[in-house]
Amino acid sequence: MYTIGQVSEMFGLPISTLRYYDKQGLFPGMKRISGIRKFSEKEIEALRVIECLKRSGLEIKDIKQFMDWCVEGATTYPQRKELFEKQKKTVEAEIEHLSRVLDMIKFKCWYYEQAMQDGNEDRVHSMIPDKLPEDIQKMYDHAHKE
C-alpha cells in the first residue's frame, strides 16, 4: 500500500491531482485507513491507464466512463476496446503530424547549414522543391504533405 505522497512522487503528479481523480471516482475501490487514502497495486495500475488516456487526449469525464465500465465487468469489454481503438487512431494521427513537424525541422537545419557554408541561400533555395539530395528530398516532401 502506498500513501498519496508516495504515489505523487512515483508519477510526478501533484497531490491535488490525485485527490481530484479520487473525487471524480477514478479509484472506486480505494481503501482508506483512518480517513487516509491507501493506494494498492490496483490503484497504481489504474493511475497508469488514467495517465495514458489523459496523455492521449481523453477528457476526465470519458476516463470516468471507462472506469465505470471496468467496475461493471466483462459485459463492457466491447465499449472499453472501442475506446482504446479510438484513442489509438488519435495517437497515431498525432505521431504522424509530429513526424512531419520533425522532418520540417530537420530540413531547415540542413537548409541553414548549407546556407552558412555558402554564405547565402541562393544555391540551396534553387534546389527547392524537387532538386534536393534524396534523403533531404524525402524529409522535405513529407514535411510538405497535405
N, C-alpha and C. Protein backbone atom coordinates (compact mmCIF):
# COMPACT_ATOMS: atom_id res chain seq x y z
N MET A 1 0.84 -1.18 0.00
CA MET A 1 0.00 0.00 0.00
C MET A 1 0.89 1.25 0.00
N TYR A 2 0.43 2.24 -0.71
CA TYR A 2 1.19 3.47 -0.86
C TYR A 2 0.37 4.65 -0.35
N THR A 3 1.06 5.64 0.19
CA THR A 3 0.38 6.88 0.60
C THR A 3 0.23 7.78 -0.62
N ILE A 4 -0.60 8.78 -0.50
CA ILE A 4 -0.80 9.71 -1.60
C ILE A 4 0.51 10.44 -1.94
N GLY A 5 1.32 10.71 -0.93
CA GLY A 5 2.62 11.36 -1.15
C GLY A 5 3.56 10.48 -1.96
N GLN A 6 3.58 9.20 -1.64
CA GLN A 6 4.44 8.26 -2.38
C GLN A 6 3.99 8.16 -3.83
N VAL A 7 2.68 8.08 -4.05
CA VAL A 7 2.14 7.97 -5.41
C VAL A 7 2.42 9.26 -6.18
N SER A 8 2.30 10.39 -5.51
CA SER A 8 2.60 11.68 -6.12
C SER A 8 4.04 11.70 -6.63
N GLU A 9 4.97 11.22 -5.83
CA GLU A 9 6.39 11.16 -6.24
C GLU A 9 6.60 10.16 -7.36
N MET A 10 5.97 8.99 -7.27
CA MET A 10 6.13 7.94 -8.28
C MET A 10 5.72 8.43 -9.67
N PHE A 11 4.64 9.19 -9.74
CA PHE A 11 4.09 9.60 -11.02
C PHE A 11 4.41 11.05 -11.40
N GLY A 12 5.03 11.77 -10.46
CA GLY A 12 5.33 13.17 -10.73
C GLY A 12 4.06 14.01 -10.86
N LEU A 13 3.06 13.63 -10.09
CA LEU A 13 1.78 14.34 -10.12
C LEU A 13 1.58 15.07 -8.79
N PRO A 14 0.96 16.25 -8.85
CA PRO A 14 0.64 16.93 -7.59
C PRO A 14 -0.38 16.12 -6.78
N ILE A 15 -0.27 16.21 -5.48
CA ILE A 15 -1.23 15.53 -4.60
C ILE A 15 -2.64 16.00 -4.92
N SER A 16 -2.79 17.26 -5.25
CA SER A 16 -4.12 17.80 -5.57
C SER A 16 -4.74 17.09 -6.77
N THR A 17 -3.92 16.70 -7.73
CA THR A 17 -4.42 15.96 -8.90
C THR A 17 -4.93 14.60 -8.48
N LEU A 18 -4.21 13.93 -7.62
CA LEU A 18 -4.63 12.61 -7.14
C LEU A 18 -5.94 12.72 -6.35
N ARG A 19 -6.04 13.75 -5.54
CA ARG A 19 -7.29 13.97 -4.80
C ARG A 19 -8.45 14.25 -5.76
N TYR A 20 -8.17 15.04 -6.79
CA TYR A 20 -9.19 15.35 -7.80
C TYR A 20 -9.66 14.06 -8.49
N TYR A 21 -8.71 13.22 -8.90
CA TYR A 21 -9.06 11.95 -9.54
C TYR A 21 -9.95 11.12 -8.62
N ASP A 22 -9.59 11.09 -7.34
CA ASP A 22 -10.37 10.32 -6.38
C ASP A 22 -11.78 10.90 -6.27
N LYS A 23 -11.90 12.22 -6.18
CA LYS A 23 -13.22 12.86 -6.09
C LYS A 23 -14.07 12.61 -7.33
N GLN A 24 -13.39 12.44 -8.48
CA GLN A 24 -14.10 12.16 -9.73
C GLN A 24 -14.50 10.69 -9.85
N GLY A 25 -14.10 9.88 -8.87
CA GLY A 25 -14.49 8.47 -8.86
C GLY A 25 -13.60 7.58 -9.71
N LEU A 26 -12.36 8.03 -9.95
CA LEU A 26 -11.47 7.23 -10.79
C LEU A 26 -10.79 6.08 -10.03
N PHE A 27 -10.92 6.08 -8.72
CA PHE A 27 -10.39 4.97 -7.90
C PHE A 27 -11.53 4.40 -7.06
N PRO A 28 -12.47 3.71 -7.70
CA PRO A 28 -13.69 3.31 -6.99
C PRO A 28 -13.49 2.39 -5.79
N GLY A 29 -12.47 1.58 -5.79
CA GLY A 29 -12.31 0.63 -4.68
C GLY A 29 -11.21 1.01 -3.70
N MET A 30 -10.75 2.27 -3.74
CA MET A 30 -9.61 2.64 -2.90
C MET A 30 -9.96 2.54 -1.41
N LYS A 31 -9.04 1.95 -0.66
CA LYS A 31 -9.23 1.81 0.79
C LYS A 31 -8.74 3.08 1.49
N ARG A 32 -9.38 3.33 2.61
CA ARG A 32 -8.95 4.42 3.48
C ARG A 32 -8.74 3.82 4.86
N ILE A 33 -7.63 4.21 5.46
CA ILE A 33 -7.36 3.78 6.83
C ILE A 33 -7.31 5.05 7.68
N SER A 34 -8.24 5.15 8.62
CA SER A 34 -8.41 6.37 9.43
C SER A 34 -8.57 7.59 8.53
N GLY A 35 -9.29 7.43 7.43
CA GLY A 35 -9.55 8.54 6.52
C GLY A 35 -8.43 8.85 5.55
N ILE A 36 -7.33 8.12 5.65
CA ILE A 36 -6.18 8.37 4.77
C ILE A 36 -6.22 7.40 3.59
N ARG A 37 -6.09 7.98 2.38
CA ARG A 37 -6.12 7.16 1.17
C ARG A 37 -4.92 6.23 1.15
N LYS A 38 -5.19 4.99 0.79
CA LYS A 38 -4.13 4.00 0.63
C LYS A 38 -4.25 3.42 -0.78
N PHE A 39 -3.21 3.61 -1.56
CA PHE A 39 -3.19 3.15 -2.95
C PHE A 39 -2.59 1.75 -3.00
N SER A 40 -3.38 0.81 -3.52
CA SER A 40 -2.88 -0.56 -3.72
C SER A 40 -2.31 -0.66 -5.14
N GLU A 41 -1.83 -1.82 -5.49
CA GLU A 41 -1.34 -2.05 -6.86
C GLU A 41 -2.46 -1.84 -7.87
N LYS A 42 -3.70 -2.12 -7.46
CA LYS A 42 -4.85 -1.91 -8.35
C LYS A 42 -4.99 -0.43 -8.71
N GLU A 43 -4.88 0.46 -7.73
CA GLU A 43 -4.97 1.90 -7.99
C GLU A 43 -3.75 2.40 -8.77
N ILE A 44 -2.60 1.81 -8.50
CA ILE A 44 -1.39 2.21 -9.24
C ILE A 44 -1.55 1.87 -10.72
N GLU A 45 -2.06 0.69 -11.00
CA GLU A 45 -2.28 0.30 -12.40
C GLU A 45 -3.37 1.16 -13.02
N ALA A 46 -4.42 1.45 -12.27
CA ALA A 46 -5.48 2.33 -12.76
C ALA A 46 -4.90 3.70 -13.09
N LEU A 47 -4.01 4.19 -12.26
CA LEU A 47 -3.40 5.50 -12.50
C LEU A 47 -2.53 5.48 -13.76
N ARG A 48 -1.85 4.38 -14.01
CA ARG A 48 -1.08 4.25 -15.26
C ARG A 48 -2.00 4.39 -16.47
N VAL A 49 -3.15 3.72 -16.41
CA VAL A 49 -4.12 3.78 -17.50
C VAL A 49 -4.72 5.18 -17.60
N ILE A 50 -5.07 5.77 -16.47
CA ILE A 50 -5.63 7.13 -16.45
C ILE A 50 -4.67 8.11 -17.10
N GLU A 51 -3.41 8.07 -16.71
CA GLU A 51 -2.41 8.98 -17.27
C GLU A 51 -2.21 8.73 -18.76
N CYS A 52 -2.24 7.47 -19.17
CA CYS A 52 -2.13 7.13 -20.59
C CYS A 52 -3.29 7.75 -21.36
N LEU A 53 -4.49 7.54 -20.88
CA LEU A 53 -5.68 8.06 -21.55
C LEU A 53 -5.67 9.59 -21.57
N LYS A 54 -5.23 10.17 -20.47
CA LYS A 54 -5.17 11.63 -20.39
C LYS A 54 -4.18 12.18 -21.43
N ARG A 55 -3.00 11.56 -21.51
CA ARG A 55 -1.98 12.00 -22.48
C ARG A 55 -2.45 11.78 -23.92
N SER A 56 -3.35 10.84 -24.11
CA SER A 56 -3.86 10.58 -25.46
C SER A 56 -4.95 11.57 -25.85
N GLY A 57 -5.31 12.45 -24.92
CA GLY A 57 -6.28 13.49 -25.24
C GLY A 57 -7.67 13.25 -24.69
N LEU A 58 -7.87 12.18 -23.95
CA LEU A 58 -9.20 11.89 -23.42
C LEU A 58 -9.49 12.79 -22.23
N GLU A 59 -10.73 13.26 -22.14
CA GLU A 59 -11.14 14.11 -21.03
C GLU A 59 -11.46 13.26 -19.80
N ILE A 60 -11.39 13.90 -18.63
CA ILE A 60 -11.64 13.20 -17.37
C ILE A 60 -13.02 12.53 -17.36
N LYS A 61 -14.04 13.20 -17.89
CA LYS A 61 -15.39 12.60 -17.89
C LYS A 61 -15.40 11.29 -18.67
N ASP A 62 -14.62 11.23 -19.76
CA ASP A 62 -14.55 10.00 -20.56
C ASP A 62 -13.71 8.92 -19.86
N ILE A 63 -12.69 9.37 -19.14
CA ILE A 63 -11.89 8.42 -18.36
C ILE A 63 -12.76 7.85 -17.24
N LYS A 64 -13.60 8.70 -16.65
CA LYS A 64 -14.53 8.24 -15.61
C LYS A 64 -15.48 7.19 -16.17
N GLN A 65 -15.96 7.42 -17.40
CA GLN A 65 -16.84 6.44 -18.05
C GLN A 65 -16.11 5.11 -18.20
N PHE A 66 -14.85 5.16 -18.62
CA PHE A 66 -14.05 3.94 -18.76
C PHE A 66 -13.95 3.22 -17.41
N MET A 67 -13.65 3.98 -16.35
CA MET A 67 -13.51 3.36 -15.03
C MET A 67 -14.83 2.75 -14.58
N ASP A 68 -15.95 3.41 -14.91
CA ASP A 68 -17.27 2.86 -14.58
C ASP A 68 -17.48 1.54 -15.32
N TRP A 69 -17.08 1.50 -16.60
CA TRP A 69 -17.19 0.26 -17.36
C TRP A 69 -16.38 -0.86 -16.71
N CYS A 70 -15.20 -0.51 -16.21
CA CYS A 70 -14.36 -1.52 -15.56
C CYS A 70 -15.08 -2.12 -14.35
N VAL A 71 -15.75 -1.28 -13.59
CA VAL A 71 -16.49 -1.75 -12.41
C VAL A 71 -17.66 -2.64 -12.84
N GLU A 72 -18.29 -2.29 -13.97
CA GLU A 72 -19.45 -3.06 -14.45
C GLU A 72 -19.07 -4.48 -14.86
N GLY A 73 -17.84 -4.68 -15.29
CA GLY A 73 -17.40 -6.03 -15.59
C GLY A 73 -17.29 -6.36 -17.06
N ALA A 74 -17.29 -7.66 -17.33
CA ALA A 74 -16.98 -8.21 -18.65
C ALA A 74 -17.96 -7.78 -19.74
N THR A 75 -19.17 -7.44 -19.39
CA THR A 75 -20.14 -7.04 -20.42
C THR A 75 -19.72 -5.75 -21.13
N THR A 76 -18.81 -5.01 -20.54
CA THR A 76 -18.38 -3.73 -21.13
C THR A 76 -17.06 -3.85 -21.91
N TYR A 77 -16.57 -5.06 -22.09
CA TYR A 77 -15.32 -5.22 -22.88
C TYR A 77 -15.42 -4.55 -24.25
N PRO A 78 -16.53 -4.72 -24.98
CA PRO A 78 -16.60 -4.08 -26.30
C PRO A 78 -16.47 -2.55 -26.24
N GLN A 79 -17.12 -1.92 -25.27
CA GLN A 79 -17.02 -0.46 -25.13
C GLN A 79 -15.59 -0.04 -24.79
N ARG A 80 -14.96 -0.80 -23.90
CA ARG A 80 -13.59 -0.47 -23.50
C ARG A 80 -12.63 -0.61 -24.67
N LYS A 81 -12.80 -1.71 -25.43
CA LYS A 81 -11.93 -1.91 -26.59
C LYS A 81 -12.14 -0.80 -27.61
N GLU A 82 -13.40 -0.42 -27.85
CA GLU A 82 -13.70 0.64 -28.81
C GLU A 82 -13.05 1.96 -28.38
N LEU A 83 -13.10 2.25 -27.08
CA LEU A 83 -12.46 3.46 -26.57
C LEU A 83 -10.96 3.46 -26.88
N PHE A 84 -10.31 2.32 -26.63
CA PHE A 84 -8.86 2.24 -26.89
C PHE A 84 -8.55 2.27 -28.38
N GLU A 85 -9.41 1.67 -29.19
CA GLU A 85 -9.21 1.74 -30.66
C GLU A 85 -9.28 3.19 -31.14
N LYS A 86 -10.24 3.93 -30.61
CA LYS A 86 -10.39 5.34 -30.98
C LYS A 86 -9.16 6.14 -30.54
N GLN A 87 -8.69 5.91 -29.32
CA GLN A 87 -7.52 6.65 -28.84
C GLN A 87 -6.26 6.25 -29.59
N LYS A 88 -6.19 4.99 -30.02
CA LYS A 88 -5.05 4.54 -30.82
C LYS A 88 -4.98 5.35 -32.11
N LYS A 89 -6.13 5.51 -32.77
CA LYS A 89 -6.17 6.29 -34.01
C LYS A 89 -5.78 7.75 -33.76
N THR A 90 -6.25 8.30 -32.66
CA THR A 90 -5.92 9.68 -32.29
C THR A 90 -4.41 9.85 -32.09
N VAL A 91 -3.82 8.92 -31.36
CA VAL A 91 -2.38 9.00 -31.09
C VAL A 91 -1.57 8.76 -32.36
N GLU A 92 -1.99 7.82 -33.19
CA GLU A 92 -1.29 7.58 -34.45
C GLU A 92 -1.32 8.82 -35.34
N ALA A 93 -2.45 9.51 -35.38
CA ALA A 93 -2.55 10.74 -36.18
C ALA A 93 -1.62 11.82 -35.62
N GLU A 94 -1.54 11.92 -34.31
CA GLU A 94 -0.65 12.90 -33.69
C GLU A 94 0.81 12.56 -33.96
N ILE A 95 1.14 11.28 -33.91
CA ILE A 95 2.52 10.86 -34.21
C ILE A 95 2.88 11.23 -35.64
N GLU A 96 1.97 10.99 -36.58
CA GLU A 96 2.22 11.35 -37.98
C GLU A 96 2.40 12.85 -38.13
N HIS A 97 1.57 13.61 -37.46
CA HIS A 97 1.69 15.07 -37.50
C HIS A 97 3.06 15.50 -36.96
N LEU A 98 3.44 14.97 -35.81
CA LEU A 98 4.73 15.32 -35.22
C LEU A 98 5.89 14.85 -36.07
N SER A 99 5.72 13.75 -36.76
CA SER A 99 6.75 13.26 -37.67
C SER A 99 6.99 14.25 -38.80
N ARG A 100 5.91 14.82 -39.33
CA ARG A 100 6.04 15.85 -40.37
C ARG A 100 6.70 17.11 -39.81
N VAL A 101 6.34 17.48 -38.59
CA VAL A 101 6.96 18.63 -37.93
C VAL A 101 8.46 18.40 -37.78
N LEU A 102 8.82 17.20 -37.33
CA LEU A 102 10.23 16.87 -37.15
C LEU A 102 10.98 16.91 -38.48
N ASP A 103 10.36 16.40 -39.54
CA ASP A 103 11.02 16.45 -40.84
C ASP A 103 11.22 17.88 -41.32
N MET A 104 10.29 18.77 -41.04
CA MET A 104 10.47 20.18 -41.40
C MET A 104 11.65 20.77 -40.63
N ILE A 105 11.73 20.47 -39.36
CA ILE A 105 12.83 20.98 -38.54
C ILE A 105 14.17 20.44 -39.05
N LYS A 106 14.22 19.14 -39.35
CA LYS A 106 15.45 18.55 -39.88
C LYS A 106 15.82 19.21 -41.21
N PHE A 107 14.83 19.41 -42.06
CA PHE A 107 15.09 20.05 -43.36
C PHE A 107 15.67 21.44 -43.15
N LYS A 108 15.06 22.21 -42.25
CA LYS A 108 15.53 23.58 -42.01
C LYS A 108 16.93 23.59 -41.40
N CYS A 109 17.23 22.63 -40.57
CA CYS A 109 18.61 22.52 -40.03
C CYS A 109 19.58 22.31 -41.19
N TRP A 110 19.27 21.38 -42.08
CA TRP A 110 20.12 21.13 -43.25
C TRP A 110 20.20 22.39 -44.12
N TYR A 111 19.05 23.02 -44.37
CA TYR A 111 18.97 24.21 -45.22
C TYR A 111 19.92 25.30 -44.71
N TYR A 112 19.84 25.60 -43.42
CA TYR A 112 20.67 26.68 -42.88
C TYR A 112 22.13 26.28 -42.74
N GLU A 113 22.40 25.01 -42.57
CA GLU A 113 23.79 24.54 -42.59
C GLU A 113 24.40 24.81 -43.97
N GLN A 114 23.64 24.50 -45.01
CA GLN A 114 24.10 24.76 -46.38
C GLN A 114 24.26 26.26 -46.63
N ALA A 115 23.30 27.04 -46.19
CA ALA A 115 23.35 28.49 -46.37
C ALA A 115 24.55 29.09 -45.65
N MET A 116 24.85 28.57 -44.47
CA MET A 116 26.03 29.07 -43.74
C MET A 116 27.32 28.73 -44.48
N GLN A 117 27.39 27.51 -45.02
CA GLN A 117 28.58 27.11 -45.78
C GLN A 117 28.76 27.98 -47.02
N ASP A 118 27.65 28.30 -47.68
CA ASP A 118 27.70 29.08 -48.93
C ASP A 118 27.78 30.58 -48.68
N GLY A 119 27.37 31.02 -47.50
CA GLY A 119 27.34 32.45 -47.22
C GLY A 119 26.05 33.11 -47.68
N ASN A 120 25.15 32.35 -48.29
CA ASN A 120 23.82 32.85 -48.70
C ASN A 120 22.91 31.66 -48.97
N GLU A 121 21.67 31.94 -49.31
CA GLU A 121 20.68 30.90 -49.52
C GLU A 121 20.43 30.58 -50.99
N ASP A 122 21.14 31.24 -51.88
CA ASP A 122 20.85 31.13 -53.32
C ASP A 122 20.87 29.69 -53.83
N ARG A 123 21.98 28.98 -53.60
CA ARG A 123 22.12 27.62 -54.13
C ARG A 123 21.06 26.69 -53.55
N VAL A 124 20.94 26.69 -52.24
CA VAL A 124 20.02 25.76 -51.59
C VAL A 124 18.57 26.11 -51.95
N HIS A 125 18.28 27.39 -52.06
CA HIS A 125 16.92 27.79 -52.42
C HIS A 125 16.56 27.34 -53.85
N SER A 126 17.56 27.33 -54.70
CA SER A 126 17.31 26.92 -56.09
C SER A 126 17.03 25.41 -56.21
N MET A 127 17.33 24.65 -55.18
CA MET A 127 17.09 23.20 -55.17
C MET A 127 15.64 22.86 -54.81
N ILE A 128 14.94 23.82 -54.25
CA ILE A 128 13.56 23.60 -53.81
C ILE A 128 12.62 23.83 -54.99
N PRO A 129 11.65 23.01 -55.26
CA PRO A 129 11.10 21.97 -54.40
C PRO A 129 11.54 20.55 -54.73
N ASP A 130 12.25 20.33 -55.87
CA ASP A 130 12.45 18.93 -56.27
C ASP A 130 13.86 18.58 -56.73
N LYS A 131 14.85 19.37 -56.33
CA LYS A 131 16.24 19.08 -56.72
C LYS A 131 17.15 18.92 -55.50
N LEU A 132 16.56 18.48 -54.43
CA LEU A 132 17.30 18.29 -53.18
C LEU A 132 17.97 16.92 -53.17
N PRO A 133 19.01 16.73 -52.35
CA PRO A 133 19.56 15.38 -52.17
C PRO A 133 18.46 14.42 -51.72
N GLU A 134 18.57 13.17 -52.13
CA GLU A 134 17.49 12.20 -51.94
C GLU A 134 16.96 12.14 -50.51
N ASP A 135 17.84 12.03 -49.52
CA ASP A 135 17.38 11.92 -48.13
C ASP A 135 16.71 13.21 -47.66
N ILE A 136 17.22 14.34 -48.10
CA ILE A 136 16.63 15.63 -47.74
C ILE A 136 15.31 15.81 -48.47
N GLN A 137 15.25 15.34 -49.71
CA GLN A 137 14.02 15.45 -50.51
C GLN A 137 12.87 14.71 -49.82
N LYS A 138 13.18 13.52 -49.26
CA LYS A 138 12.15 12.74 -48.56
C LYS A 138 11.61 13.52 -47.37
N MET A 139 12.52 14.14 -46.60
CA MET A 139 12.09 14.93 -45.45
C MET A 139 11.24 16.12 -45.91
N TYR A 140 11.72 16.80 -46.93
CA TYR A 140 11.01 17.97 -47.46
C TYR A 140 9.61 17.58 -47.92
N ASP A 141 9.52 16.53 -48.71
CA ASP A 141 8.23 16.09 -49.24
C ASP A 141 7.29 15.68 -48.11
N HIS A 142 7.81 14.96 -47.14
CA HIS A 142 6.98 14.52 -46.01
C HIS A 142 6.49 15.73 -45.21
N ALA A 143 7.36 16.68 -44.99
CA ALA A 143 7.00 17.87 -44.21
C ALA A 143 5.96 18.72 -44.91
N HIS A 144 5.95 18.66 -46.24
CA HIS A 144 5.03 19.49 -47.01
C HIS A 144 3.76 18.74 -47.45
N LYS A 145 3.63 17.50 -47.01
CA LYS A 145 2.46 16.70 -47.37
C LYS A 145 1.21 17.31 -46.74
N GLU A 146 0.16 17.38 -47.52
CA GLU A 146 -1.11 17.98 -47.01
C GLU A 146 -1.83 17.00 -46.14
